Structures are given as structure tokens and as C-alpha cells.
Amino acid sequence: MTEPHRKTDIDAMVLDPADHFDSPMDVVKDPRLTRADKKRILEAWMKDAELLSVAEAENMQGGKRPRLREAHLAMEALEQQP
């Protein structure tokens, strides 16, 4: 049975991955997370990074570094795991 607070924690990580992890690769390395959780978090990170990249291209400063390439590399690493 899934603990109620665990779902909330995962949802918070999906909502703002950069607030919970130092880098996208830290998501891949986190032993507490299932493969599905890691994928959800990395997908959210990539979406956030894409939005930040678009904002920067339009001269809007988001304050955070997009890290889009790092998020893609982390997703590739996750997909290569057995």
C-alpha cells in the first residue's frame, strides 16, 4: 500500500524538480524513487527547462539555469538502465 505522504512528496518533486535535486542526474541516482517516478520528475524538469529557454530567448530572465541538456542526458541514462 502506498503511503499518502509519499505521493505528495513525489508530486512536489514533479512540480519543482530543481527545488528538490541539485541536478537532473541526482534524480537518476536517487534510490528512493521508482523508475516511473524518476521518469515523471525528469520529464517535468525538461518541460521547465524548455520554458526557461524560451523565456531567455525572449529576453526574460527566469533566474534559474535551464539545464535542458543535463535533463536530456539524465533521461537517456535512465533509459539505458536495466
PDB file of N, CA and C in Angstrom:
ATOM      1  N   MET A   1       0.840  -1.190   0.000  1.00  0.00           N
ATOM      2  CA  MET A   1       0.000   0.000   0.000  1.00  0.00           C
ATOM      3  C   MET A   1       0.878   1.245   0.000  1.00  0.00           C
ATOM      4  N   THR A   2       0.545   2.215  -0.801  1.00  0.00           N
ATOM      5  CA  THR A   2       1.320   3.452  -0.905  1.00  0.00           C
ATOM      6  C   THR A   2       1.008   4.364   0.267  1.00  0.00           C
ATOM      7  N   GLU A   3       2.067   4.906   0.848  1.00  0.00           N
ATOM      8  CA  GLU A   3       1.884   5.851   1.945  1.00  0.00           C
ATOM      9  C   GLU A   3       1.370   7.169   1.375  1.00  0.00           C
ATOM     10  N   PRO A   4       0.373   7.794   2.017  1.00  0.00           N
ATOM     11  CA  PRO A   4      -0.197   9.038   1.494  1.00  0.00           C
ATOM     12  C   PRO A   4       0.828  10.153   1.330  1.00  0.00           C
ATOM     13  N   HIS A   5       1.763  10.311   2.287  1.00  0.00           N
ATOM     14  CA  HIS A   5       2.742  11.404   2.191  1.00  0.00           C
ATOM     15  C   HIS A   5       3.748  11.150   1.074  1.00  0.00           C
ATOM     16  N   ARG A   6       3.983   9.892   0.703  1.00  0.00           N
ATOM     17  CA  ARG A   6       4.937   9.585  -0.365  1.00  0.00           C
ATOM     18  C   ARG A   6       4.446  10.155  -1.686  1.00  0.00           C
ATOM     19  N   LYS A   7       3.165  10.003  -1.995  1.00  0.00           N
ATOM     20  CA  LYS A   7       2.618  10.546  -3.236  1.00  0.00           C
ATOM     21  C   LYS A   7       2.766  12.060  -3.253  1.00  0.00           C
ATOM     22  N   THR A   8       2.496  12.688  -2.131  1.00  0.00           N
ATOM     23  CA  THR A   8       2.632  14.133  -2.036  1.00  0.00           C
ATOM     24  C   THR A   8       4.079  14.549  -2.272  1.00  0.00           C
ATOM     25  N   ASP A   9       5.019  13.812  -1.690  1.00  0.00           N
ATOM     26  CA  ASP A   9       6.428  14.133  -1.883  1.00  0.00           C
ATOM     27  C   ASP A   9       6.807  14.024  -3.360  1.00  0.00           C
ATOM     28  N   ILE A  10       6.367  12.971  -4.025  1.00  0.00           N
ATOM     29  CA  ILE A  10       6.670  12.785  -5.447  1.00  0.00           C
ATOM     30  C   ILE A  10       6.011  13.904  -6.252  1.00  0.00           C
ATOM     31  N   ASP A  11       4.783  14.226  -5.924  1.00  0.00           N
ATOM     32  CA  ASP A  11       4.089  15.307  -6.633  1.00  0.00           C
ATOM     33  C   ASP A  11       4.832  16.629  -6.482  1.00  0.00           C
ATOM     34  N   ALA A  12       5.371  16.889  -5.294  1.00  0.00           N
ATOM     35  CA  ALA A  12       6.138  18.117  -5.067  1.00  0.00           C
ATOM     36  C   ALA A  12       7.420  18.096  -5.899  1.00  0.00           C
ATOM     37  N   MET A  13       8.044  16.941  -6.012  1.00  0.00           N
ATOM     38  CA  MET A  13       9.263  16.817  -6.817  1.00  0.00           C
ATOM     39  C   MET A  13       8.968  17.049  -8.298  1.00  0.00           C
ATOM     40  N   VAL A  14       7.828  16.559  -8.750  1.00  0.00           N
ATOM     41  CA  VAL A  14       7.424  16.752 -10.151  1.00  0.00           C
ATOM     42  C   VAL A  14       7.095  18.225 -10.390  1.00  0.00           C
ATOM     43  N   LEU A  15       6.477  18.851  -9.432  1.00  0.00           N
ATOM     44  CA  LEU A  15       6.093  20.250  -9.570  1.00  0.00           C
ATOM     45  C   LEU A  15       7.295  21.175  -9.699  1.00  0.00           C
ATOM     46  N   ASP A  16       8.356  20.913  -8.936  1.00  0.00           N
ATOM     47  CA  ASP A  16       9.559  21.749  -8.996  1.00  0.00           C
ATOM     48  C   ASP A  16      10.799  20.900  -8.726  1.00  0.00           C
ATOM     49  N   PRO A  17      11.252  20.151  -9.738  1.00  0.00           N
ATOM     50  CA  PRO A  17      12.394  19.257  -9.542  1.00  0.00           C
ATOM     51  C   PRO A  17      13.651  19.961  -9.062  1.00  0.00           C
ATOM     52  N   ALA A  18      13.920  21.143  -9.564  1.00  0.00           N
ATOM     53  CA  ALA A  18      15.143  21.864  -9.201  1.00  0.00           C
ATOM     54  C   ALA A  18      15.145  22.286  -7.732  1.00  0.00           C
ATOM     55  N   ASP A  19      13.978  22.317  -7.125  1.00  0.00           N
ATOM     56  CA  ASP A  19      13.889  22.662  -5.710  1.00  0.00           C
ATOM     57  C   ASP A  19      14.257  21.468  -4.820  1.00  0.00           C
ATOM     58  N   HIS A  20      14.198  20.262  -5.397  1.00  0.00           N
ATOM     59  CA  HIS A  20      14.436  19.046  -4.624  1.00  0.00           C
ATOM     60  C   HIS A  20      15.738  18.330  -4.973  1.00  0.00           C
ATOM     61  N   PHE A  21      16.311  18.661  -6.130  1.00  0.00           N
ATOM     62  CA  PHE A  21      17.534  17.995  -6.585  1.00  0.00           C
ATOM     63  C   PHE A  21      18.527  19.033  -7.086  1.00  0.00           C
ATOM     64  N   ASP A  22      19.812  18.768  -6.874  1.00  0.00           N
ATOM     65  CA  ASP A  22      20.861  19.675  -7.335  1.00  0.00           C
ATOM     66  C   ASP A  22      21.052  19.594  -8.843  1.00  0.00           C
ATOM     67  N   SER A  23      20.816  18.414  -9.410  1.00  0.00           N
ATOM     68  CA  SER A  23      20.987  18.243 -10.850  1.00  0.00           C
ATOM     69  C   SER A  23      20.042  17.141 -11.341  1.00  0.00           C
ATOM     70  N   PRO A  24      19.760  17.116 -12.635  1.00  0.00           N
ATOM     71  CA  PRO A  24      18.917  16.052 -13.177  1.00  0.00           C
ATOM     72  C   PRO A  24      19.493  14.655 -12.926  1.00  0.00           C
ATOM     73  N   MET A  25      20.810  14.508 -12.967  1.00  0.00           N
ATOM     74  CA  MET A  25      21.409  13.194 -12.734  1.00  0.00           C
ATOM     75  C   MET A  25      21.177  12.707 -11.310  1.00  0.00           C
ATOM     76  N   ASP A  26      20.989  13.638 -10.374  1.00  0.00           N
ATOM     77  CA  ASP A  26      20.668  13.242  -8.998  1.00  0.00           C
ATOM     78  C   ASP A  26      19.336  12.512  -8.933  1.00  0.00           C
ATOM     79  N   VAL A  27      18.426  12.834  -9.822  1.00  0.00           N
ATOM     80  CA  VAL A  27      17.139  12.133  -9.888  1.00  0.00           C
ATOM     81  C   VAL A  27      17.397  10.673 -10.253  1.00  0.00           C
ATOM     82  N   VAL A  28      18.215  10.460 -11.274  1.00  0.00           N
ATOM     83  CA  VAL A  28      18.526   9.102 -11.735  1.00  0.00           C
ATOM     84  C   VAL A  28      19.176   8.284 -10.631  1.00  0.00           C
ATOM     85  N   LYS A  29      20.025   8.909  -9.838  1.00  0.00           N
ATOM     86  CA  LYS A  29      20.787   8.212  -8.801  1.00  0.00           C
ATOM     87  C   LYS A  29      20.022   8.008  -7.495  1.00  0.00           C
ATOM     88  N   ASP A  30      18.854   8.617  -7.358  1.00  0.00           N
ATOM     89  CA  ASP A  30      18.124   8.567  -6.094  1.00  0.00           C
ATOM     90  C   ASP A  30      17.491   7.181  -5.896  1.00  0.00           C
ATOM     91  N   PRO A  31      17.964   6.417  -4.910  1.00  0.00           N
ATOM     92  CA  PRO A  31      17.451   5.063  -4.701  1.00  0.00           C
ATOM     93  C   PRO A  31      16.036   5.004  -4.122  1.00  0.00           C
ATOM     94  N   ARG A  32      15.538   6.120  -3.619  1.00  0.00           N
ATOM     95  CA  ARG A  32      14.184   6.141  -3.032  1.00  0.00           C
ATOM     96  C   ARG A  32      13.095   6.120  -4.088  1.00  0.00           C
ATOM     97  N   LEU A  33      13.440   6.476  -5.313  1.00  0.00           N
ATOM     98  CA  LEU A  33      12.437   6.658  -6.356  1.00  0.00           C
ATOM     99  C   LEU A  33      12.319   5.446  -7.262  1.00  0.00           C
ATOM    100  N   THR A  34      11.098   5.184  -7.704  1.00  0.00           N
ATOM    101  CA  THR A  34      10.897   4.140  -8.697  1.00  0.00           C
ATOM    102  C   THR A  34      11.309   4.680 -10.062  1.00  0.00           C
ATOM    103  N   ARG A  35      11.461   3.788 -11.000  1.00  0.00           N
ATOM    104  CA  ARG A  35      11.803   4.195 -12.363  1.00  0.00           C
ATOM    105  C   ARG A  35      10.731   5.137 -12.922  1.00  0.00           C
ATOM    106  N   ALA A  36       9.469   4.821 -12.657  1.00  0.00           N
ATOM    107  CA  ALA A  36       8.363   5.660 -13.142  1.00  0.00           C
ATOM    108  C   ALA A  36       8.414   7.053 -12.512  1.00  0.00           C
ATOM    109  N   ASP A  37       8.718   7.110 -11.217  1.00  0.00           N
ATOM    110  CA  ASP A  37       8.837   8.407 -10.538  1.00  0.00           C
ATOM    111  C   ASP A  37       9.966   9.232 -11.151  1.00  0.00           C
ATOM    112  N   LYS A  38      11.100   8.590 -11.379  1.00  0.00           N
ATOM    113  CA  LYS A  38      12.251   9.281 -11.964  1.00  0.00           C
ATOM    114  C   LYS A  38      11.890   9.843 -13.336  1.00  0.00           C
ATOM    115  N   LYS A  39      11.187   9.037 -14.113  1.00  0.00           N
ATOM    116  CA  LYS A  39      10.796   9.483 -15.458  1.00  0.00           C
ATOM    117  C   LYS A  39       9.876  10.698 -15.380  1.00  0.00           C
ATOM    118  N   ARG A  40       8.889  10.651 -14.483  1.00  0.00           N
ATOM    119  CA  ARG A  40       7.969  11.790 -14.310  1.00  0.00           C
ATOM    120  C   ARG A  40       8.718  13.050 -13.908  1.00  0.00           C
ATOM    121  N   ILE A  41       9.640  12.911 -12.977  1.00  0.00           N
ATOM    122  CA  ILE A  41      10.397  14.068 -12.488  1.00  0.00           C
ATOM    123  C   ILE A  41      11.279  14.635 -13.593  1.00  0.00           C
ATOM    124  N   LEU A  42      11.959  13.768 -14.327  1.00  0.00           N
ATOM    125  CA  LEU A  42      12.833  14.245 -15.413  1.00  0.00           C
ATOM    126  C   LEU A  42      12.033  14.874 -16.550  1.00  0.00           C
ATOM    127  N   GLU A  43      10.872  14.311 -16.850  1.00  0.00           N
ATOM    128  CA  GLU A  43      10.021  14.920 -17.881  1.00  0.00           C
ATOM    129  C   GLU A  43       9.590  16.320 -17.456  1.00  0.00           C
ATOM    130  N   ALA A  44       9.250  16.473 -16.186  1.00  0.00           N
ATOM    131  CA  ALA A  44       8.872  17.794 -15.675  1.00  0.00           C
ATOM    132  C   ALA A  44      10.065  18.747 -15.733  1.00  0.00           C
ATOM    133  N   TRP A  45      11.245  18.232 -15.409  1.00  0.00           N
ATOM    134  CA  TRP A  45      12.453  19.063 -15.443  1.00  0.00           C
ATOM    135  C   TRP A  45      12.709  19.543 -16.867  1.00  0.00           C
ATOM    136  N   MET A  46      12.551  18.639 -17.842  1.00  0.00           N
ATOM    137  CA  MET A  46      12.770  19.017 -19.239  1.00  0.00           C
ATOM    138  C   MET A  46      11.758  20.070 -19.688  1.00  0.00           C
ATOM    139  N   LYS A  47      10.513  19.909 -19.279  1.00  0.00           N
ATOM    140  CA  LYS A  47       9.490  20.883 -19.654  1.00  0.00           C
ATOM    141  C   LYS A  47       9.807  22.253 -19.047  1.00  0.00           C
ATOM    142  N   ASP A  48      10.189  22.268 -17.766  1.00  0.00           N
ATOM    143  CA  ASP A  48      10.564  23.521 -17.107  1.00  0.00           C
ATOM    144  C   ASP A  48      11.758  24.165 -17.811  1.00  0.00           C
ATOM    145  N   ALA A  49      12.743  23.334 -18.161  1.00  0.00           N
ATOM    146  CA  ALA A  49      13.941  23.843 -18.820  1.00  0.00           C
ATOM    147  C   ALA A  49      13.610  24.416 -20.197  1.00  0.00           C
ATOM    148  N   GLU A  50      12.712  23.764 -20.919  1.00  0.00           N
ATOM    149  CA  GLU A  50      12.296  24.283 -22.226  1.00  0.00           C
ATOM    150  C   GLU A  50      11.612  25.637 -22.087  1.00  0.00           C
ATOM    151  N   LEU A  51      10.749  25.763 -21.087  1.00  0.00           N
ATOM    152  CA  LEU A  51      10.061  27.040 -20.859  1.00  0.00           C
ATOM    153  C   LEU A  51      11.049  28.140 -20.468  1.00  0.00           C
ATOM    154  N   LEU A  52      12.030  27.795 -19.633  1.00  0.00           N
ATOM    155  CA  LEU A  52      13.047  28.779 -19.258  1.00  0.00           C
ATOM    156  C   LEU A  52      13.888  29.191 -20.463  1.00  0.00           C
ATOM    157  N   SER A  53      14.199  28.241 -21.327  1.00  0.00           N
ATOM    158  CA  SER A  53      14.981  28.547 -22.530  1.00  0.00           C
ATOM    159  C   SER A  53      14.225  29.498 -23.445  1.00  0.00           C
ATOM    160  N   VAL A  54      12.927  29.267 -23.608  1.00  0.00           N
ATOM    161  CA  VAL A  54      12.096  30.149 -24.426  1.00  0.00           C
ATOM    162  C   VAL A  54      12.054  31.540 -23.807  1.00  0.00           C
ATOM    163  N   ALA A  55      11.894  31.610 -22.506  1.00  0.00           N
ATOM    164  CA  ALA A  55      11.848  32.906 -21.826  1.00  0.00           C
ATOM    165  C   ALA A  55      13.168  33.662 -22.006  1.00  0.00           C
ATOM    166  N   GLU A  56      14.282  32.944 -21.893  1.00  0.00           N
ATOM    167  CA  GLU A  56      15.583  33.588 -22.072  1.00  0.00           C
ATOM    168  C   GLU A  56      15.747  34.084 -23.506  1.00  0.00           C
ATOM    169  N   ALA A  57      15.253  33.310 -24.464  1.00  0.00           N
ATOM    170  CA  ALA A  57      15.339  33.712 -25.871  1.00  0.00           C
ATOM    171  C   ALA A  57      14.533  34.980 -26.128  1.00  0.00           C
ATOM    172  N   GLU A  58      13.514  35.196 -25.304  1.00  0.00           N
ATOM    173  CA  GLU A  58      12.679  36.398 -25.435  1.00  0.00           C
ATOM    174  C   GLU A  58      13.133  37.495 -24.481  1.00  0.00           C
ATOM    175  N   ASN A  59      14.366  37.368 -23.985  1.00  0.00           N
ATOM    176  CA  ASN A  59      14.976  38.337 -23.072  1.00  0.00           C
ATOM    177  C   ASN A  59      14.266  38.486 -21.733  1.00  0.00           C
ATOM    178  N   MET A  60      13.602  37.434 -21.301  1.00  0.00           N
ATOM    179  CA  MET A  60      13.006  37.419 -19.966  1.00  0.00           C
ATOM    180  C   MET A  60      13.911  36.570 -19.084  1.00  0.00           C
ATOM    181  N   GLN A  61      14.326  37.102 -17.978  1.00  0.00           N
ATOM    182  CA  GLN A  61      15.222  36.380 -17.085  1.00  0.00           C
ATOM    183  C   GLN A  61      14.418  35.577 -16.075  1.00  0.00           C
ATOM    184  N   GLY A  62      14.697  34.272 -16.028  1.00  0.00           N
ATOM    185  CA  GLY A  62      13.996  33.395 -15.093  1.00  0.00           C
ATOM    186  C   GLY A  62      14.739  33.195 -13.786  1.00  0.00           C
ATOM    187  N   GLY A  63      16.014  33.542 -13.756  1.00  0.00           N
ATOM    188  CA  GLY A  63      16.782  33.396 -12.530  1.00  0.00           C
ATOM    189  C   GLY A  63      17.459  32.041 -12.412  1.00  0.00           C
ATOM    190  N   LYS A  64      16.839  30.986 -12.905  1.00  0.00           N
ATOM    191  CA  LYS A  64      17.423  29.652 -12.845  1.00  0.00           C
ATOM    192  C   LYS A  64      18.050  29.305 -14.189  1.00  0.00           C
ATOM    193  N   ARG A  65      19.079  28.479 -14.142  1.00  0.00           N
ATOM    194  CA  ARG A  65      19.691  27.968 -15.360  1.00  0.00           C
ATOM    195  C   ARG A  65      18.779  26.882 -15.930  1.00  0.00           C
ATOM    196  N   PRO A  66      18.504  26.860 -17.222  1.00  0.00           N
ATOM    197  CA  PRO A  66      17.580  25.879 -17.785  1.00  0.00           C
ATOM    198  C   PRO A  66      17.981  24.410 -17.598  1.00  0.00           C
ATOM    199  N   ARG A  67      19.247  24.057 -17.827  1.00  0.00           N
ATOM    200  CA  ARG A  67      19.745  22.693 -17.648  1.00  0.00           C
ATOM    201  C   ARG A  67      19.026  21.680 -18.536  1.00  0.00           C
ATOM    202  N   LEU A  68      18.576  22.123 -19.704  1.00  0.00           N
ATOM    203  CA  LEU A  68      17.846  21.252 -20.612  1.00  0.00           C
ATOM    204  C   LEU A  68      18.712  20.081 -21.076  1.00  0.00           C
ATOM    205  N   ARG A  69      19.937  20.376 -21.474  1.00  0.00           N
ATOM    206  CA  ARG A  69      20.829  19.308 -21.948  1.00  0.00           C
ATOM    207  C   ARG A  69      21.074  18.284 -20.846  1.00  0.00           C
ATOM    208  N   GLU A  70      21.299  18.760 -19.619  1.00  0.00           N
ATOM    209  CA  GLU A  70      21.521  17.850 -18.494  1.00  0.00           C
ATOM    210  C   GLU A  70      20.301  16.965 -18.247  1.00  0.00           C
ATOM    211  N   ALA A  71      19.123  17.534 -18.378  1.00  0.00           N
ATOM    212  CA  ALA A  71      17.896  16.763 -18.174  1.00  0.00           C
ATOM    213  C   ALA A  71      17.750  15.684 -19.249  1.00  0.00           C
ATOM    214  N   HIS A  72      18.075  16.015 -20.495  1.00  0.00           N
ATOM    215  CA  HIS A  72      18.016  15.030 -21.574  1.00  0.00           C
ATOM    216  C   HIS A  72      19.038  13.911 -21.348  1.00  0.00           C
ATOM    217  N   LEU A  73      20.244  14.280 -20.933  1.00  0.00           N
ATOM    218  CA  LEU A  73      21.275  13.275 -20.672  1.00  0.00           C
ATOM    219  C   LEU A  73      20.866  12.363 -19.509  1.00  0.00           C
ATOM    220  N   ALA A  74      20.250  12.919 -18.497  1.00  0.00           N
ATOM    221  CA  ALA A  74      19.784  12.117 -17.366  1.00  0.00           C
ATOM    222  C   ALA A  74      18.686  11.157 -17.808  1.00  0.00           C
ATOM    223  N   MET A  75      17.776  11.626 -18.675  1.00  0.00           N
ATOM    224  CA  MET A  75      16.724  10.749 -19.181  1.00  0.00           C
ATOM    225  C   MET A  75      17.325   9.605 -19.997  1.00  0.00           C
ATOM    226  N   GLU A  76      18.319   9.912 -20.808  1.00  0.00           N
ATOM    227  CA  GLU A  76      18.999   8.868 -21.574  1.00  0.00           C
ATOM    228  C   GLU A  76      19.661   7.845 -20.654  1.00  0.00           C
ATOM    229  N   ALA A  77      20.294   8.328 -19.592  1.00  0.00           N
ATOM    230  CA  ALA A  77      20.932   7.431 -18.627  1.00  0.00           C
ATOM    231  C   ALA A  77      19.888   6.534 -17.967  1.00  0.00           C
ATOM    232  N   LEU A  78      18.742   7.096 -17.634  1.00  0.00           N
ATOM    233  CA  LEU A  78      17.673   6.319 -17.020  1.00  0.00           C
ATOM    234  C   LEU A  78      17.173   5.237 -17.978  1.00  0.00           C
ATOM    235  N   GLU A  79      17.002   5.603 -19.231  1.00  0.00           N
ATOM    236  CA  GLU A  79      16.504   4.648 -20.223  1.00  0.00           C
ATOM    237  C   GLU A  79      17.496   3.534 -20.509  1.00  0.00           C
ATOM    238  N   GLN A  80      18.778   3.768 -20.266  1.00  0.00           N
ATOM    239  CA  GLN A  80      19.791   2.745 -20.503  1.00  0.00           C
ATOM    240  C   GLN A  80      19.959   1.798 -19.324  1.00  0.00           C
ATOM    241  N   GLN A  81      19.365   2.141 -18.186  1.00  0.00           N
ATOM    242  CA  GLN A  81      19.467   1.261 -17.024  1.00  0.00           C
ATOM    243  C   GLN A  81      18.602   0.022 -17.240  1.00  0.00           C
ATOM    244  N   PRO A  82      19.083  -1.120 -16.744  1.00  0.00           N
ATOM    245  CA  PRO A  82      18.303  -2.367 -16.910  1.00  0.00           C
ATOM    246  C   PRO A  82      17.017  -2.355 -16.113  1.00  0.00           C
TER     247      PRO A  82
END
